[in-house]
Each structure stands twice: as structure tokens, then as C-alpha cells.
Amino acid sequence: MSRDNPQPAANRPEVLLVYDKQCPACDAYCRLVRIRDTVGDLRIVNARERSEVMDEITAHGFDIDQGMVLKMGGRLYYGADAIHALALISSRSGFFNRLNYRMFSSAGGAALLYPVLRFFRNLLLKILGRTKINNLEAPGNNRF
């Protein structure tokens, strides 16, 4: 199954990774990360497009501009928890996936590193002139 194909293979769990596709750093990360075949099929979802999972994220009060979301087994993981869970289910093949595992397989490490990465992501998007998704519809919250 293609990572962007909306239909999962028969009898395989679907794992959704929701992120801002207009962020070059996020897009590169999400396209490089691989999960183990035994976990299921990874489908990347652009948070800028209307979807059922984005409605669910918003209903939970998660600000997608401040963290990616991993949906697995009916549960939503947000921000540092998402990157930590993703590291635990990731493949260890290839340099990027081994590095990802080493950096984020510890919940404490993910909690320390994620805000730093988010800061630089937000700075990059500000420099690029991108607007926020603002899924929570907060007034005056459209620019980075």
C-alpha cells in the first residue's frame, strides 16, 4: 500500500500520521520515517486538508500548529508523545530511522527535544511566510 493511499491493506491496522505538509522539515521527516511491517500501514495525512481525523484532533483540543498527531489503535498521540510512539514502532532500517529511534525512543528524551524542534519549525514557517492551520479557530492566531 502506498503511504498516501487512503485505503489500508486488508486485515492490516492503519496508522495515521497527521502533520502540516507546508512545513518542509515536517514533510521530510514524515516521508522518511518507516514503521515496522508488523505494526500496520502508515498513512500520512495533510493537516491542511479537511478530514475525519482532523475533526477528531480538533475535538480533543489539540493545536495541530504546535504538534503532529499519530493515531494508532484508536488512540491519538500528540506532540512529544506522538514522536515517541512513532520511534517505538519505527523500523530500524536505514540511518534516518535508527537515528529517529535513538533520539525519541525515550519518553524523557522526546519531551526534551520536541519543544526545541517545534521552536525551529515555527521559526522556519515564519521565515517562509506560512500561515497557521489554526484548527482550534483561536482569534488572531493565523501567523507564526
N, C-alpha and C. Protein backbone atom coordinates (compact mmCIF):
# COMPACT_ATOMS: atom_id res chain seq x y z
N MET A 1 0.84 -1.19 0.00
CA MET A 1 0.00 0.00 0.00
C MET A 1 0.88 1.24 0.00
N SER A 2 0.50 2.22 -0.75
CA SER A 2 1.19 3.50 -0.77
C SER A 2 0.94 4.23 0.55
N ARG A 3 1.90 4.99 1.01
CA ARG A 3 1.77 5.73 2.26
C ARG A 3 0.71 6.82 2.14
N ASP A 4 0.41 7.26 0.91
CA ASP A 4 -0.57 8.32 0.72
C ASP A 4 -1.92 7.78 0.27
N ASN A 5 -2.03 6.47 0.05
CA ASN A 5 -3.27 5.85 -0.39
C ASN A 5 -4.23 5.79 0.80
N PRO A 6 -5.46 6.27 0.64
CA PRO A 6 -6.38 6.30 1.78
C PRO A 6 -6.91 4.92 2.17
N GLN A 7 -6.69 3.89 1.39
CA GLN A 7 -7.23 2.57 1.69
C GLN A 7 -6.14 1.65 2.26
N PRO A 8 -6.29 1.15 3.50
CA PRO A 8 -5.31 0.24 4.06
C PRO A 8 -5.45 -1.15 3.43
N ALA A 9 -4.38 -1.92 3.49
CA ALA A 9 -4.43 -3.30 3.01
C ALA A 9 -5.38 -4.09 3.90
N ALA A 10 -5.97 -5.14 3.33
CA ALA A 10 -6.93 -5.95 4.08
C ALA A 10 -6.28 -6.53 5.34
N ASN A 11 -7.01 -6.46 6.45
CA ASN A 11 -6.60 -7.05 7.72
C ASN A 11 -5.35 -6.45 8.34
N ARG A 12 -4.91 -5.31 7.88
CA ARG A 12 -3.75 -4.66 8.48
C ARG A 12 -4.21 -3.37 9.13
N PRO A 13 -3.79 -3.14 10.37
CA PRO A 13 -4.18 -1.88 11.03
C PRO A 13 -3.62 -0.68 10.28
N GLU A 14 -4.37 0.40 10.32
CA GLU A 14 -3.92 1.65 9.70
C GLU A 14 -3.40 2.57 10.80
N VAL A 15 -2.23 3.13 10.58
CA VAL A 15 -1.62 4.08 11.49
C VAL A 15 -1.58 5.41 10.75
N LEU A 16 -2.18 6.45 11.34
CA LEU A 16 -2.25 7.76 10.69
C LEU A 16 -1.24 8.70 11.33
N LEU A 17 -0.50 9.40 10.50
CA LEU A 17 0.43 10.43 10.95
C LEU A 17 -0.03 11.75 10.34
N VAL A 18 -0.51 12.66 11.19
CA VAL A 18 -1.11 13.92 10.74
C VAL A 18 -0.13 15.05 11.03
N TYR A 19 0.18 15.83 9.99
CA TYR A 19 1.16 16.91 10.13
C TYR A 19 0.87 17.99 9.10
N ASP A 20 1.58 19.11 9.22
CA ASP A 20 1.44 20.24 8.31
C ASP A 20 2.35 20.01 7.11
N LYS A 21 1.75 19.67 5.98
CA LYS A 21 2.53 19.37 4.79
C LYS A 21 3.25 20.60 4.22
N GLN A 22 2.84 21.80 4.61
CA GLN A 22 3.52 23.01 4.13
C GLN A 22 4.83 23.28 4.87
N CYS A 23 5.11 22.51 5.90
CA CYS A 23 6.37 22.65 6.62
C CYS A 23 7.40 21.72 5.97
N PRO A 24 8.46 22.26 5.37
CA PRO A 24 9.44 21.41 4.70
C PRO A 24 10.11 20.41 5.65
N ALA A 25 10.39 20.81 6.88
CA ALA A 25 11.03 19.91 7.84
C ALA A 25 10.08 18.77 8.23
N CYS A 26 8.83 19.10 8.50
CA CYS A 26 7.83 18.08 8.86
C CYS A 26 7.60 17.13 7.70
N ASP A 27 7.51 17.68 6.51
CA ASP A 27 7.26 16.86 5.33
C ASP A 27 8.41 15.88 5.11
N ALA A 28 9.63 16.36 5.23
CA ALA A 28 10.80 15.48 5.06
C ALA A 28 10.79 14.37 6.11
N TYR A 29 10.55 14.73 7.37
CA TYR A 29 10.52 13.75 8.45
C TYR A 29 9.46 12.68 8.16
N CYS A 30 8.25 13.11 7.84
CA CYS A 30 7.14 12.18 7.66
C CYS A 30 7.33 11.29 6.43
N ARG A 31 8.04 11.77 5.45
CA ARG A 31 8.29 10.95 4.26
C ARG A 31 9.43 9.96 4.47
N LEU A 32 10.32 10.27 5.41
CA LEU A 32 11.46 9.38 5.66
C LEU A 32 11.18 8.31 6.71
N VAL A 33 10.31 8.60 7.67
CA VAL A 33 10.07 7.66 8.75
C VAL A 33 9.35 6.42 8.21
N ARG A 34 9.74 5.27 8.70
CA ARG A 34 9.14 3.99 8.31
C ARG A 34 8.76 3.25 9.58
N ILE A 35 7.61 2.57 9.54
CA ILE A 35 7.23 1.75 10.68
C ILE A 35 7.42 0.29 10.32
N ARG A 36 7.54 -0.54 11.35
CA ARG A 36 7.72 -1.97 11.11
C ARG A 36 6.48 -2.54 10.43
N ASP A 37 6.69 -3.46 9.51
CA ASP A 37 5.58 -4.08 8.78
C ASP A 37 4.57 -4.74 9.71
N THR A 38 5.02 -5.24 10.82
CA THR A 38 4.13 -5.94 11.75
C THR A 38 3.16 -4.99 12.45
N VAL A 39 3.45 -3.69 12.45
CA VAL A 39 2.61 -2.71 13.13
C VAL A 39 1.37 -2.38 12.30
N GLY A 40 1.54 -2.26 11.00
CA GLY A 40 0.43 -1.90 10.12
C GLY A 40 0.90 -1.04 8.98
N ASP A 41 -0.04 -0.34 8.38
CA ASP A 41 0.24 0.53 7.25
C ASP A 41 0.21 1.98 7.70
N LEU A 42 1.30 2.69 7.43
CA LEU A 42 1.39 4.10 7.79
C LEU A 42 0.79 4.94 6.67
N ARG A 43 -0.14 5.81 7.05
CA ARG A 43 -0.72 6.75 6.08
C ARG A 43 -0.48 8.15 6.60
N ILE A 44 0.18 8.96 5.79
CA ILE A 44 0.43 10.33 6.19
C ILE A 44 -0.75 11.20 5.73
N VAL A 45 -1.16 12.11 6.62
CA VAL A 45 -2.34 12.94 6.38
C VAL A 45 -1.94 14.40 6.49
N ASN A 46 -2.27 15.17 5.46
CA ASN A 46 -2.01 16.60 5.46
C ASN A 46 -3.05 17.30 6.35
N ALA A 47 -2.57 17.93 7.41
CA ALA A 47 -3.47 18.59 8.36
C ALA A 47 -4.18 19.79 7.75
N ARG A 48 -3.71 20.28 6.63
CA ARG A 48 -4.35 21.43 5.97
C ARG A 48 -5.57 21.03 5.14
N GLU A 49 -5.80 19.73 5.00
CA GLU A 49 -6.96 19.26 4.26
C GLU A 49 -8.01 18.75 5.24
N ARG A 50 -9.25 19.04 4.95
CA ARG A 50 -10.36 18.60 5.80
C ARG A 50 -10.40 17.08 5.83
N SER A 51 -10.52 16.50 7.01
CA SER A 51 -10.60 15.05 7.15
C SER A 51 -11.27 14.69 8.47
N GLU A 52 -11.71 13.47 8.54
CA GLU A 52 -12.34 12.97 9.77
C GLU A 52 -11.35 13.00 10.93
N VAL A 53 -10.10 12.63 10.66
CA VAL A 53 -9.11 12.61 11.74
C VAL A 53 -8.80 14.03 12.21
N MET A 54 -8.82 15.02 11.31
CA MET A 54 -8.60 16.40 11.75
C MET A 54 -9.77 16.88 12.62
N ASP A 55 -10.98 16.46 12.28
CA ASP A 55 -12.12 16.79 13.14
C ASP A 55 -11.95 16.18 14.53
N GLU A 56 -11.44 14.96 14.58
CA GLU A 56 -11.21 14.28 15.86
C GLU A 56 -10.11 14.99 16.66
N ILE A 57 -9.05 15.40 15.98
CA ILE A 57 -7.94 16.12 16.63
C ILE A 57 -8.46 17.43 17.24
N THR A 58 -9.24 18.16 16.47
CA THR A 58 -9.81 19.42 16.94
C THR A 58 -10.74 19.19 18.12
N ALA A 59 -11.57 18.17 18.04
CA ALA A 59 -12.49 17.85 19.14
C ALA A 59 -11.74 17.54 20.44
N HIS A 60 -10.53 16.99 20.32
CA HIS A 60 -9.72 16.71 21.51
C HIS A 60 -8.97 17.96 22.01
N GLY A 61 -9.06 19.06 21.26
CA GLY A 61 -8.41 20.29 21.68
C GLY A 61 -6.93 20.35 21.37
N PHE A 62 -6.46 19.51 20.45
CA PHE A 62 -5.04 19.52 20.08
C PHE A 62 -4.78 20.57 19.00
N ASP A 63 -3.85 21.47 19.27
CA ASP A 63 -3.46 22.51 18.31
C ASP A 63 -2.45 21.90 17.35
N ILE A 64 -2.88 21.60 16.14
CA ILE A 64 -2.02 20.94 15.16
C ILE A 64 -0.83 21.81 14.76
N ASP A 65 -0.93 23.12 14.98
CA ASP A 65 0.20 24.01 14.68
C ASP A 65 1.33 23.83 15.69
N GLN A 66 1.04 23.19 16.81
CA GLN A 66 2.06 23.02 17.84
C GLN A 66 2.50 21.57 18.03
N GLY A 67 1.97 20.68 17.21
CA GLY A 67 2.41 19.29 17.33
C GLY A 67 1.74 18.37 16.34
N MET A 68 2.50 17.40 15.86
CA MET A 68 1.94 16.39 14.97
C MET A 68 1.11 15.42 15.80
N VAL A 69 0.29 14.63 15.12
CA VAL A 69 -0.56 13.65 15.79
C VAL A 69 -0.38 12.30 15.13
N LEU A 70 -0.25 11.29 15.95
CA LEU A 70 -0.21 9.90 15.50
C LEU A 70 -1.47 9.23 16.01
N LYS A 71 -2.24 8.62 15.11
CA LYS A 71 -3.42 7.88 15.53
C LYS A 71 -3.14 6.40 15.28
N MET A 72 -3.20 5.65 16.36
CA MET A 72 -2.87 4.24 16.28
C MET A 72 -3.75 3.49 17.28
N GLY A 73 -4.38 2.43 16.81
CA GLY A 73 -5.22 1.64 17.69
C GLY A 73 -6.35 2.44 18.31
N GLY A 74 -6.88 3.42 17.57
CA GLY A 74 -7.98 4.23 18.08
C GLY A 74 -7.56 5.31 19.06
N ARG A 75 -6.27 5.44 19.33
CA ARG A 75 -5.77 6.43 20.28
C ARG A 75 -4.98 7.51 19.56
N LEU A 76 -5.12 8.75 20.04
CA LEU A 76 -4.36 9.88 19.49
C LEU A 76 -3.16 10.18 20.38
N TYR A 77 -2.00 10.30 19.75
CA TYR A 77 -0.77 10.71 20.43
C TYR A 77 -0.40 12.07 19.86
N TYR A 78 -0.08 13.02 20.73
CA TYR A 78 0.14 14.40 20.30
C TYR A 78 1.53 14.88 20.67
N GLY A 79 2.17 15.63 19.77
CA GLY A 79 3.44 16.27 20.05
C GLY A 79 4.54 15.28 20.41
N ALA A 80 5.16 15.50 21.57
CA ALA A 80 6.27 14.64 22.01
C ALA A 80 5.82 13.19 22.17
N ASP A 81 4.59 12.99 22.62
CA ASP A 81 4.07 11.61 22.75
C ASP A 81 3.95 10.95 21.38
N ALA A 82 3.59 11.72 20.37
CA ALA A 82 3.46 11.18 19.02
C ALA A 82 4.82 10.76 18.47
N ILE A 83 5.81 11.61 18.63
CA ILE A 83 7.12 11.29 18.07
C ILE A 83 7.77 10.14 18.85
N HIS A 84 7.47 10.07 20.14
CA HIS A 84 7.97 8.96 20.96
C HIS A 84 7.33 7.64 20.52
N ALA A 85 6.00 7.62 20.38
CA ALA A 85 5.30 6.41 19.94
C ALA A 85 5.76 6.00 18.55
N LEU A 86 5.96 6.97 17.68
CA LEU A 86 6.42 6.68 16.32
C LEU A 86 7.82 6.05 16.34
N ALA A 87 8.68 6.54 17.21
CA ALA A 87 10.02 5.97 17.32
C ALA A 87 9.95 4.52 17.78
N LEU A 88 9.04 4.22 18.70
CA LEU A 88 8.93 2.86 19.22
C LEU A 88 8.43 1.87 18.17
N ILE A 89 7.61 2.32 17.23
CA ILE A 89 7.08 1.41 16.20
C ILE A 89 7.85 1.50 14.90
N SER A 90 8.88 2.35 14.87
CA SER A 90 9.61 2.57 13.63
C SER A 90 10.52 1.40 13.29
N SER A 91 10.79 1.30 12.02
CA SER A 91 11.75 0.34 11.50
C SER A 91 13.13 0.80 11.95
N ARG A 92 14.04 -0.08 12.09
CA ARG A 92 15.42 0.30 12.43
C ARG A 92 16.31 0.26 11.19
N SER A 93 15.70 0.13 10.01
CA SER A 93 16.49 0.07 8.78
C SER A 93 16.79 1.47 8.29
N GLY A 94 18.00 1.67 7.88
CA GLY A 94 18.43 2.96 7.36
C GLY A 94 18.89 3.90 8.46
N PHE A 95 19.77 4.79 8.08
CA PHE A 95 20.37 5.73 9.02
C PHE A 95 19.32 6.60 9.70
N PHE A 96 18.40 7.18 8.92
CA PHE A 96 17.40 8.09 9.48
C PHE A 96 16.56 7.40 10.54
N ASN A 97 16.07 6.20 10.26
CA ASN A 97 15.19 5.51 11.21
C ASN A 97 15.93 5.06 12.46
N ARG A 98 17.20 4.69 12.32
CA ARG A 98 18.00 4.36 13.52
C ARG A 98 18.22 5.61 14.37
N LEU A 99 18.51 6.73 13.73
CA LEU A 99 18.71 7.99 14.45
C LEU A 99 17.40 8.42 15.13
N ASN A 100 16.30 8.32 14.42
CA ASN A 100 15.00 8.65 14.97
C ASN A 100 14.72 7.83 16.22
N TYR A 101 15.00 6.54 16.15
CA TYR A 101 14.79 5.66 17.31
C TYR A 101 15.66 6.10 18.49
N ARG A 102 16.92 6.36 18.22
CA ARG A 102 17.83 6.75 19.31
C ARG A 102 17.44 8.07 19.95
N MET A 103 16.95 9.00 19.15
CA MET A 103 16.61 10.32 19.68
C MET A 103 15.30 10.33 20.45
N PHE A 104 14.32 9.54 20.00
CA PHE A 104 12.97 9.68 20.54
C PHE A 104 12.40 8.44 21.21
N SER A 105 13.17 7.36 21.34
CA SER A 105 12.63 6.15 21.96
C SER A 105 12.43 6.30 23.47
N SER A 106 13.08 7.26 24.06
CA SER A 106 12.89 7.57 25.47
C SER A 106 11.83 8.66 25.57
N ALA A 107 10.82 8.46 26.42
CA ALA A 107 9.77 9.47 26.60
C ALA A 107 10.38 10.78 27.11
N GLY A 108 11.34 10.68 28.00
CA GLY A 108 12.00 11.88 28.54
C GLY A 108 12.79 12.62 27.47
N GLY A 109 13.50 11.86 26.64
CA GLY A 109 14.25 12.47 25.55
C GLY A 109 13.34 13.17 24.56
N ALA A 110 12.25 12.51 24.22
CA ALA A 110 11.28 13.12 23.30
C ALA A 110 10.69 14.39 23.90
N ALA A 111 10.39 14.35 25.20
CA ALA A 111 9.81 15.52 25.88
C ALA A 111 10.78 16.70 25.91
N LEU A 112 12.08 16.41 25.96
CA LEU A 112 13.09 17.48 25.95
C LEU A 112 13.36 18.00 24.55
N LEU A 113 13.46 17.12 23.57
CA LEU A 113 13.83 17.51 22.21
C LEU A 113 12.68 18.10 21.40
N TYR A 114 11.47 17.61 21.61
CA TYR A 114 10.35 18.04 20.77
C TYR A 114 10.10 19.55 20.83
N PRO A 115 10.09 20.18 21.99
CA PRO A 115 9.87 21.64 22.02
C PRO A 115 10.96 22.42 21.29
N VAL A 116 12.19 21.93 21.32
CA VAL A 116 13.29 22.59 20.60
C VAL A 116 13.05 22.49 19.09
N LEU A 117 12.70 21.30 18.64
CA LEU A 117 12.41 21.11 17.22
C LEU A 117 11.19 21.94 16.79
N ARG A 118 10.18 22.00 17.64
CA ARG A 118 8.98 22.79 17.34
C ARG A 118 9.33 24.28 17.23
N PHE A 119 10.21 24.77 18.10
CA PHE A 119 10.63 26.16 18.04
C PHE A 119 11.25 26.47 16.68
N PHE A 120 12.18 25.62 16.24
CA PHE A 120 12.85 25.86 14.96
C PHE A 120 11.89 25.66 13.79
N ARG A 121 10.96 24.76 13.92
CA ARG A 121 9.93 24.57 12.89
C ARG A 121 9.09 25.84 12.76
N ASN A 122 8.64 26.38 13.89
CA ASN A 122 7.83 27.59 13.86
C ASN A 122 8.62 28.78 13.30
N LEU A 123 9.89 28.86 13.63
CA LEU A 123 10.76 29.92 13.09
C LEU A 123 10.88 29.77 11.57
N LEU A 124 11.09 28.55 11.09
CA LEU A 124 11.18 28.29 9.65
C LEU A 124 9.90 28.71 8.95
N LEU A 125 8.76 28.35 9.51
CA LEU A 125 7.49 28.70 8.88
C LEU A 125 7.24 30.20 8.90
N LYS A 126 7.71 30.88 9.94
CA LYS A 126 7.61 32.34 10.00
C LYS A 126 8.46 32.97 8.89
N ILE A 127 9.68 32.48 8.73
CA ILE A 127 10.58 32.99 7.68
C ILE A 127 9.99 32.75 6.30
N LEU A 128 9.36 31.60 6.11
CA LEU A 128 8.76 31.25 4.82
C LEU A 128 7.43 31.94 4.58
N GLY A 129 6.90 32.63 5.61
CA GLY A 129 5.65 33.36 5.47
C GLY A 129 4.41 32.47 5.44
N ARG A 130 4.51 31.28 6.00
CA ARG A 130 3.36 30.36 6.03
C ARG A 130 2.34 30.83 7.06
N THR A 131 1.10 30.51 6.83
CA THR A 131 0.06 30.79 7.81
C THR A 131 -0.17 29.55 8.65
N LYS A 132 -0.74 29.76 9.82
CA LYS A 132 -1.08 28.64 10.69
C LYS A 132 -2.33 27.94 10.16
N ILE A 133 -2.50 26.71 10.56
CA ILE A 133 -3.72 25.97 10.24
C ILE A 133 -4.85 26.47 11.12
N ASN A 134 -4.53 26.74 12.37
CA ASN A 134 -5.46 27.28 13.36
C ASN A 134 -6.74 26.44 13.44
N ASN A 135 -6.56 25.14 13.60
CA ASN A 135 -7.71 24.23 13.67
C ASN A 135 -8.61 24.51 14.88
N LEU A 136 -8.09 25.14 15.91
CA LEU A 136 -8.91 25.46 17.09
C LEU A 136 -9.62 26.81 16.93
N GLU A 137 -9.38 27.47 15.80
CA GLU A 137 -10.03 28.73 15.44
C GLU A 137 -9.88 29.81 16.50
N ALA A 138 -8.68 29.92 17.06
CA ALA A 138 -8.39 30.98 18.03
C ALA A 138 -8.27 32.31 17.30
N PRO A 139 -8.95 33.37 17.77
CA PRO A 139 -8.88 34.67 17.09
C PRO A 139 -7.46 35.21 17.08
N GLY A 140 -7.05 35.77 15.93
CA GLY A 140 -5.72 36.37 15.82
C GLY A 140 -4.58 35.38 15.82
N ASN A 141 -4.84 34.12 15.56
CA ASN A 141 -3.81 33.08 15.61
C ASN A 141 -3.55 32.51 14.21
N ASN A 142 -3.34 33.38 13.24
CA ASN A 142 -3.17 32.91 11.87
C ASN A 142 -1.73 32.95 11.37
N ARG A 143 -0.84 33.65 12.07
CA ARG A 143 0.55 33.78 11.64
C ARG A 143 1.50 33.18 12.66
N PHE A 144 2.60 32.66 12.16
CA PHE A 144 3.66 32.15 13.05
C PHE A 144 4.47 33.29 13.58
